[in-house]
Amino acid sequence: MRLLLTSFLHPRLGTFFSGTVAYIPDAARTCRDAPFAVEERQRIARYGFDVVEVPVAGRPPADLDRILSRVDGIYVASGETFGLLHVLRSTGADEVVSRHVREGLPYAASSAGSIVAGPSIEPNSIMDSPAIAPGLTDYSGLGLVDRVIVPHAQGTLPPFPIGVIARTVEEYGVDWPLTLLRDGEALLVDEDGCRLV
């Protein structure tokens, strides 16, 4: 598997993919015009990939499977983690995405998209509210990596001050293998293993 799990974007994104990238925006569907969401879409487009926006909400799994069979990579956007996992799970997209990534399709993501790649999104309940997806009762992630990403760990963003990051580590650090990422950092998984870049 090849994964690039970022806190928010990363310089390696420009060389991680080539060709056509399926951009899954569902984590930001309730905040599409927020500055971070606009910046993310613009920066991904500037890398020169052929970007195909592929919202999964309401999309049949067979349609997503067909699209992912024709692209060279998947990028899962930032936004609301619990809402993203709910959409992935309720549409069956979680299984489709996981299968394609395990079969070799490169997966890159920022923030929420990075968190759902791990074993559980539960540790993110301090940063994002589970109440946004009340029907989601199983917080298991895609299981593409064995660690939980904690993005924005520099603690300087207003919604995620250092106290929120510290509380996440205190409440969940014993039960879950946490990887704290500052914006501009990433966890790279490839044939050479798993490492911070």
Protein backbone atom coordinates (compact mmCIF):
# COMPACT_ATOMS: atom_id res chain seq x y z
CA MET A 1 0.00 0.00 0.00
CA ARG A 2 0.98 3.60 -0.59
CA LEU A 3 -0.49 6.23 1.73
CA LEU A 4 0.34 9.85 2.48
CA LEU A 5 -1.61 10.89 5.56
CA THR A 6 -1.22 14.60 6.23
CA SER A 7 -2.40 17.03 8.84
CA PHE A 8 -3.17 19.61 6.17
CA LEU A 9 -1.67 19.22 2.71
CA HIS A 10 2.02 18.43 2.25
CA PRO A 11 4.78 19.26 -0.25
CA ARG A 12 5.09 15.57 -1.24
CA LEU A 13 1.57 15.55 -2.66
CA GLY A 14 2.99 16.98 -5.88
CA THR A 15 5.04 13.83 -6.47
CA PHE A 16 2.91 11.25 -4.65
CA PHE A 17 0.39 11.02 -7.47
CA SER A 18 0.51 11.15 -11.23
CA GLY A 19 -2.35 11.07 -13.70
CA THR A 20 -5.97 11.18 -12.56
CA VAL A 21 -6.93 11.61 -8.90
CA ALA A 22 -10.37 10.95 -7.42
CA TYR A 23 -10.99 13.82 -4.98
CA ILE A 24 -13.47 12.76 -2.27
CA PRO A 25 -14.85 15.97 -0.70
CA ASP A 26 -17.50 14.51 1.65
CA ALA A 27 -15.80 15.56 4.91
CA ALA A 28 -16.29 19.20 3.87
CA ARG A 29 -19.80 18.90 2.45
CA THR A 30 -21.25 21.08 5.24
CA CYS A 31 -18.40 23.61 5.02
CA ARG A 32 -17.49 23.56 1.34
CA ASP A 33 -16.89 27.31 1.21
CA ALA A 34 -14.80 27.47 4.39
CA PRO A 35 -11.34 28.93 3.70
CA PHE A 36 -9.52 25.65 4.50
CA ALA A 37 -11.75 23.68 2.10
CA VAL A 38 -11.31 26.20 -0.72
CA GLU A 39 -7.53 26.30 -0.18
CA GLU A 40 -7.32 22.51 -0.17
CA ARG A 41 -9.22 22.15 -3.48
CA GLN A 42 -7.16 24.92 -5.11
CA ARG A 43 -3.82 23.51 -3.98
CA ILE A 44 -4.66 19.98 -5.14
CA ALA A 45 -5.66 21.36 -8.56
CA ARG A 46 -2.39 23.35 -8.82
CA TYR A 47 -0.31 20.18 -8.59
CA GLY A 48 -1.31 19.45 -12.18
CA PHE A 49 -3.21 16.22 -11.66
CA ASP A 50 -6.37 15.55 -13.57
CA VAL A 51 -8.69 15.92 -10.56
CA VAL A 52 -12.11 14.28 -10.68
CA GLU A 53 -14.40 15.31 -7.82
CA VAL A 54 -16.18 12.19 -6.55
CA PRO A 55 -18.64 12.83 -3.71
CA VAL A 56 -19.65 9.47 -2.26
CA ALA A 57 -22.86 10.58 -0.48
CA GLY A 58 -25.71 8.96 -2.35
CA ARG A 59 -23.40 7.23 -4.84
CA PRO A 60 -23.93 3.49 -5.38
CA PRO A 61 -20.86 1.36 -4.49
CA ALA A 62 -20.71 -0.08 -8.02
CA ASP A 63 -20.41 3.45 -9.45
CA LEU A 64 -17.59 4.31 -7.03
CA ASP A 65 -15.89 1.01 -7.83
CA ARG A 66 -16.00 1.82 -11.55
CA ILE A 67 -14.52 5.28 -10.98
CA LEU A 68 -11.72 4.04 -8.71
CA SER A 69 -10.84 1.38 -11.28
CA ARG A 70 -10.07 4.16 -13.77
CA VAL A 71 -8.05 6.60 -11.65
CA ASP A 72 -4.43 6.67 -10.49
CA GLY A 73 -5.06 7.71 -6.88
CA ILE A 74 -7.53 8.81 -4.21
CA TYR A 75 -7.41 12.03 -2.20
CA VAL A 76 -9.80 12.30 0.78
CA ALA A 77 -10.38 15.87 1.91
CA SER A 78 -10.33 17.60 5.28
CA GLY A 79 -13.44 18.47 7.25
CA GLU A 80 -15.72 16.69 9.69
CA THR A 81 -14.42 13.23 10.64
CA PHE A 82 -17.60 11.68 12.03
CA GLY A 83 -19.67 12.89 9.10
CA LEU A 84 -17.09 11.52 6.66
CA LEU A 85 -17.02 8.05 8.25
CA HIS A 86 -20.81 7.99 8.38
CA VAL A 87 -21.04 8.75 4.64
CA LEU A 88 -18.37 6.18 3.79
CA ARG A 89 -19.97 3.48 5.90
CA SER A 90 -23.64 4.18 5.03
CA THR A 91 -22.93 4.06 1.28
CA GLY A 92 -20.58 1.07 1.32
CA ALA A 93 -17.79 3.33 0.06
CA ASP A 94 -15.61 2.31 3.03
CA GLU A 95 -15.27 -1.21 1.65
CA VAL A 96 -14.76 -0.06 -1.94
CA VAL A 97 -12.06 2.46 -1.00
CA SER A 98 -10.29 0.02 1.34
CA ARG A 99 -10.22 -2.71 -1.29
CA HIS A 100 -8.77 -0.45 -3.99
CA VAL A 101 -6.10 0.92 -1.65
CA ARG A 102 -5.12 -2.57 -0.46
CA GLU A 103 -4.85 -3.58 -4.13
CA GLY A 104 -2.35 -0.77 -4.74
CA LEU A 105 -4.27 2.46 -5.48
CA PRO A 106 -2.37 5.31 -3.76
CA TYR A 107 -4.33 7.08 -0.99
CA ALA A 108 -3.56 10.57 0.24
CA ALA A 109 -5.58 12.64 2.66
CA SER A 110 -5.65 15.61 4.98
CA SER A 111 -7.02 15.79 8.51
CA ALA A 112 -10.39 13.94 8.53
CA GLY A 113 -9.36 11.87 5.49
CA SER A 114 -6.18 10.86 7.33
CA ILE A 115 -8.01 10.04 10.55
CA VAL A 116 -10.51 7.66 8.89
CA ALA A 117 -7.60 5.67 7.41
CA GLY A 118 -6.69 4.43 10.90
CA PRO A 119 -8.17 1.82 13.22
CA SER A 120 -10.66 4.16 14.95
CA ILE A 121 -11.90 7.74 14.83
CA GLU A 122 -12.98 7.67 18.50
CA PRO A 123 -9.90 9.60 19.73
CA ASN A 124 -10.96 12.44 17.44
CA SER A 125 -14.15 12.97 19.46
CA ILE A 126 -12.48 15.81 21.35
CA MET A 127 -11.62 17.66 18.14
CA ASP A 128 -14.82 16.89 16.20
CA SER A 129 -18.29 16.18 17.52
CA PRO A 130 -19.76 12.68 17.19
CA ALA A 131 -23.18 14.39 17.36
CA ILE A 132 -22.89 15.35 13.69
CA ALA A 133 -23.45 11.67 12.81
CA PRO A 134 -25.83 10.32 15.46
CA GLY A 135 -26.47 7.15 13.45
CA LEU A 136 -22.78 6.24 13.54
CA THR A 137 -22.27 3.87 16.46
CA ASP A 138 -19.16 2.01 15.28
CA TYR A 139 -16.14 4.31 15.14
CA SER A 140 -13.84 1.79 13.45
CA GLY A 141 -11.87 3.41 10.66
CA LEU A 142 -10.73 1.92 7.37
CA GLY A 143 -7.84 0.12 9.09
CA LEU A 144 -5.32 1.04 6.40
CA VAL A 145 -2.79 1.92 9.11
CA ASP A 146 -2.50 0.74 12.71
CA ARG A 147 -2.24 4.19 14.26
CA VAL A 148 -4.64 7.07 14.89
CA ILE A 149 -3.69 10.35 13.27
CA VAL A 150 -4.10 13.45 15.45
CA PRO A 151 -3.87 16.38 13.01
CA HIS A 152 -3.11 20.05 13.70
CA ALA A 153 -0.97 18.99 16.67
CA GLN A 154 0.90 22.29 16.72
CA GLY A 155 -2.10 23.57 18.70
CA THR A 156 -2.17 27.00 17.07
CA LEU A 157 -5.41 26.74 15.09
CA PRO A 158 -8.35 28.36 16.92
CA PRO A 159 -10.62 25.31 16.73
CA PHE A 160 -7.79 23.01 17.91
CA PRO A 161 -5.78 24.78 20.64
CA ILE A 162 -2.98 22.99 22.43
CA GLY A 163 -5.33 22.09 25.30
CA VAL A 164 -7.51 20.05 22.91
CA ILE A 165 -4.46 18.21 21.59
CA ALA A 166 -3.18 17.56 25.14
CA ARG A 167 -6.61 16.28 26.24
CA THR A 168 -6.73 13.93 23.25
CA VAL A 169 -3.36 12.46 24.20
CA GLU A 170 -4.31 12.23 27.88
CA GLU A 171 -7.68 10.53 27.29
CA TYR A 172 -6.78 8.27 24.36
CA GLY A 173 -2.99 7.88 24.30
CA VAL A 174 -2.96 4.80 26.51
CA ASP A 175 -5.55 2.84 24.54
CA TRP A 176 -4.61 3.90 21.00
CA PRO A 177 -1.30 4.35 19.15
CA LEU A 178 -1.50 8.06 18.35
CA THR A 179 0.59 9.85 15.72
CA LEU A 180 0.55 13.61 16.23
CA LEU A 181 1.03 15.60 13.04
CA ARG A 182 1.55 19.32 12.69
CA ASP A 183 0.28 21.03 9.56
CA GLY A 184 2.90 20.41 6.89
CA GLU A 185 3.79 16.96 8.31
CA ALA A 186 2.68 13.57 7.03
CA LEU A 187 2.84 9.87 7.71
CA LEU A 188 4.13 8.12 4.61
CA VAL A 189 3.42 4.42 4.17
CA ASP A 190 5.06 2.60 1.27
CA GLU A 191 7.24 -0.40 0.44
CA ASP A 192 9.95 0.98 2.77
CA GLY A 193 7.63 1.01 5.80
CA CYS A 194 5.92 3.76 7.78
CA ARG A 195 7.65 7.04 8.61
CA LEU A 196 7.09 10.72 9.29
CA VAL A 197 7.99 13.13 6.51
